[in-house]
Amino acid sequence: EHLTFYRHRLLYPFLVEGRAVYLQARTTAAGVEPRWHNMRGPVPSLYNLDALLNLPSGSVVHLVEGFTDTLTLAAHGFHAVGLVGAGGLKDEWLAPLGRFRVVAALDPDAAGRRAAARYREMFARRGSGLAVINLPADVNDFFRQHPAAALEFELMTETALEETMNDEL
């Protein structure tokens, strides 16, 4: 059973200060369930957190579900961190995000909508806003289905940030 975590899977490390603190795996074989496999125990950090270390304060950072959405945004020049599941954001993870303008782009399902509302409340309790983009598909699918996805995503980001700023006034 131990080897099933590694068999026919891509392993994605969660790095904190350059050290792998957690692994998530995804199958590469068709028809294998579950597609995702996580280590036992709590998830210790956001995925791709180290990418924020040298990012200037005030930069835009996207909060998304999963490492594939995170990597899709990174491949298109966006700064992003990922959650393991829509409801995975922990209060203690807000501090490292505090110096950024954070935009959530969660999956367009009930879990994603509930999480976005809860995360807005979490950010508000800390005195900051959370902008939210409502995509018609998850980030990865959106970028695969739209030829001008990067431009559209950038425009949606700017609109969401403006709306959040207006709400705070």
Protein backbone atom coordinates (compact mmCIF):
# COMPACT_ATOMS: atom_id res chain seq x y z
CA GLU A 1 0.00 0.00 0.00
CA HIS A 2 2.86 2.38 0.78
CA LEU A 3 4.11 2.21 -2.81
CA THR A 4 0.72 3.14 -4.27
CA PHE A 5 1.51 6.74 -3.38
CA TYR A 6 4.40 6.71 -5.83
CA ARG A 7 3.30 4.29 -8.53
CA HIS A 8 2.46 6.01 -11.83
CA ARG A 9 2.21 9.39 -10.17
CA LEU A 10 3.76 12.78 -10.54
CA LEU A 11 4.92 14.11 -7.18
CA TYR A 12 4.54 17.77 -6.33
CA PRO A 13 6.49 19.06 -3.33
CA PHE A 14 5.26 21.88 -1.12
CA LEU A 15 8.39 23.90 -0.39
CA VAL A 16 8.88 26.12 2.63
CA GLU A 17 12.20 27.94 2.73
CA GLY A 18 13.52 25.56 0.10
CA ARG A 19 12.62 22.39 2.00
CA ALA A 20 9.94 19.92 0.93
CA VAL A 21 7.42 19.79 3.78
CA TYR A 22 4.60 17.92 2.03
CA LEU A 23 3.91 15.96 -1.14
CA GLN A 24 0.84 15.66 -3.27
CA ALA A 25 0.69 13.12 -6.08
CA ARG A 26 -1.38 12.84 -9.24
CA THR A 27 -1.75 9.71 -11.30
CA THR A 28 -0.48 9.61 -14.87
CA ALA A 29 -2.40 6.45 -15.74
CA ALA A 30 -5.84 6.62 -17.34
CA GLY A 31 -8.75 5.29 -15.31
CA VAL A 32 -6.85 5.08 -12.04
CA GLU A 33 -8.76 6.33 -9.02
CA PRO A 34 -8.17 8.25 -6.95
CA ARG A 35 -6.37 10.62 -9.31
CA TRP A 36 -4.98 12.60 -6.38
CA HIS A 37 -3.14 11.22 -3.42
CA ASN A 38 -2.05 13.25 -0.40
CA MET A 39 0.28 12.46 2.43
CA ARG A 40 -1.27 11.70 5.77
CA GLY A 41 -1.58 14.51 8.24
CA PRO A 42 -2.42 18.17 7.87
CA VAL A 43 -1.23 20.22 4.92
CA PRO A 44 1.49 22.47 6.40
CA SER A 45 1.47 25.33 3.90
CA LEU A 46 0.15 26.79 0.70
CA TYR A 47 1.52 25.26 -2.49
CA ASN A 48 4.19 27.45 -4.14
CA LEU A 49 4.63 29.62 -1.05
CA ASP A 50 8.36 30.07 -1.67
CA ALA A 51 7.57 31.86 -4.94
CA LEU A 52 6.44 34.82 -2.82
CA LEU A 53 9.69 35.24 -0.89
CA ASN A 54 11.27 37.82 -3.19
CA LEU A 55 8.05 39.27 -4.56
CA PRO A 56 7.66 43.00 -3.85
CA SER A 57 4.99 44.07 -1.38
CA GLY A 58 1.81 45.17 -3.12
CA SER A 59 2.17 42.60 -5.89
CA VAL A 60 -0.90 40.69 -7.02
CA VAL A 61 -1.00 37.07 -5.85
CA HIS A 62 -3.70 34.64 -6.94
CA LEU A 63 -5.13 32.09 -4.54
CA VAL A 64 -6.31 29.00 -6.42
CA GLU A 65 -7.34 25.39 -5.84
CA GLY A 66 -4.57 22.90 -6.38
CA PHE A 67 -1.13 22.81 -7.82
CA THR A 68 -2.22 22.41 -11.46
CA ASP A 69 -4.07 25.74 -11.36
CA THR A 70 -1.09 27.27 -9.56
CA LEU A 71 1.33 25.99 -12.19
CA THR A 72 -0.94 27.10 -15.04
CA LEU A 73 -0.93 30.66 -13.72
CA ALA A 74 2.82 30.60 -13.08
CA ALA A 75 3.42 29.39 -16.65
CA HIS A 76 1.50 32.44 -17.89
CA GLY A 77 3.41 34.94 -15.76
CA PHE A 78 1.02 35.27 -12.81
CA HIS A 79 2.02 34.88 -9.16
CA ALA A 80 -0.05 32.18 -7.51
CA VAL A 81 -0.32 29.94 -4.48
CA GLY A 82 -2.51 26.87 -4.23
CA LEU A 83 -4.78 25.21 -1.74
CA VAL A 84 -5.47 21.51 -1.33
CA GLY A 85 -9.22 21.74 -1.92
CA ALA A 86 -11.51 24.74 -1.84
CA GLY A 87 -11.86 24.86 1.93
CA GLY A 88 -8.18 24.45 2.72
CA LEU A 89 -7.12 27.97 3.71
CA LYS A 90 -5.95 28.24 7.32
CA ASP A 91 -5.88 31.42 9.39
CA GLU A 92 -2.15 31.09 10.00
CA TRP A 93 -1.50 31.19 6.24
CA LEU A 94 -2.93 34.70 5.94
CA ALA A 95 0.11 36.39 7.48
CA PRO A 96 2.48 35.61 4.57
CA LEU A 97 -0.19 36.91 2.18
CA GLY A 98 -0.72 40.13 4.13
CA ARG A 99 1.69 42.24 2.11
CA PHE A 100 0.09 41.37 -1.23
CA ARG A 101 -3.09 42.18 -3.12
CA VAL A 102 -4.72 38.75 -3.09
CA VAL A 103 -7.20 37.60 -5.71
CA ALA A 104 -9.02 34.30 -5.29
CA ALA A 105 -9.80 32.32 -8.44
CA LEU A 106 -11.45 29.22 -7.04
CA ASP A 107 -13.37 26.56 -8.93
CA PRO A 108 -16.88 27.63 -10.04
CA ASP A 109 -18.71 25.04 -7.96
CA ALA A 110 -20.61 25.26 -4.68
CA ALA A 111 -17.49 24.48 -2.64
CA GLY A 112 -15.52 27.20 -4.41
CA ARG A 113 -18.26 29.80 -3.88
CA ARG A 114 -18.61 28.91 -0.18
CA ALA A 115 -14.84 29.07 0.27
CA ALA A 116 -14.57 32.46 -1.46
CA ALA A 117 -17.21 33.92 0.88
CA ARG A 118 -15.48 32.44 3.94
CA TYR A 119 -12.06 33.65 2.78
CA ARG A 120 -13.37 37.19 2.29
CA GLU A 121 -14.48 37.13 5.92
CA MET A 122 -11.11 35.76 7.03
CA PHE A 123 -9.25 38.53 5.20
CA ALA A 124 -11.66 41.19 6.49
CA ARG A 125 -11.04 40.10 10.10
CA ARG A 126 -7.37 40.85 9.47
CA GLY A 127 -8.20 44.26 8.03
CA SER A 128 -7.57 43.46 4.38
CA GLY A 129 -9.65 42.70 1.35
CA LEU A 130 -9.82 39.69 -0.89
CA ALA A 131 -10.75 40.18 -4.51
CA VAL A 132 -12.57 37.29 -6.18
CA ILE A 133 -12.68 36.27 -9.83
CA ASN A 134 -15.65 34.16 -10.93
CA LEU A 135 -14.44 32.01 -13.80
CA PRO A 136 -16.71 29.79 -15.93
CA ALA A 137 -14.31 26.86 -15.38
CA ASP A 138 -11.38 26.06 -13.12
CA VAL A 139 -8.21 28.00 -13.91
CA ASN A 140 -6.51 25.20 -15.81
CA ASP A 141 -9.56 24.50 -18.00
CA PHE A 142 -10.13 28.22 -18.56
CA PHE A 143 -6.60 28.62 -19.92
CA ARG A 144 -6.96 25.55 -22.14
CA GLN A 145 -10.33 26.66 -23.55
CA HIS A 146 -9.66 30.36 -24.19
CA PRO A 147 -7.00 31.44 -26.70
CA ALA A 148 -6.68 34.85 -25.04
CA ALA A 149 -6.97 33.49 -21.49
CA ALA A 150 -4.00 35.37 -20.06
CA LEU A 151 -5.35 38.72 -21.23
CA GLU A 152 -8.89 37.88 -20.10
CA PHE A 153 -7.60 36.71 -16.73
CA GLU A 154 -5.57 39.90 -16.27
CA LEU A 155 -8.61 42.03 -17.06
CA MET A 156 -10.78 40.03 -14.64
CA THR A 157 -8.08 40.44 -11.99
CA GLU A 158 -7.99 44.22 -12.40
CA THR A 159 -11.80 44.44 -12.32
CA ALA A 160 -11.99 42.31 -9.16
CA LEU A 161 -9.32 44.42 -7.46
CA GLU A 162 -11.14 47.65 -8.35
CA GLU A 163 -14.44 46.27 -7.04
CA THR A 164 -12.79 45.18 -3.80
CA MET A 165 -11.16 48.58 -3.37
CA ASN A 166 -14.51 50.32 -3.95
CA ASP A 167 -16.19 48.02 -1.41
CA GLU A 168 -13.59 49.00 1.18
CA LEU A 169 -14.21 52.75 0.72
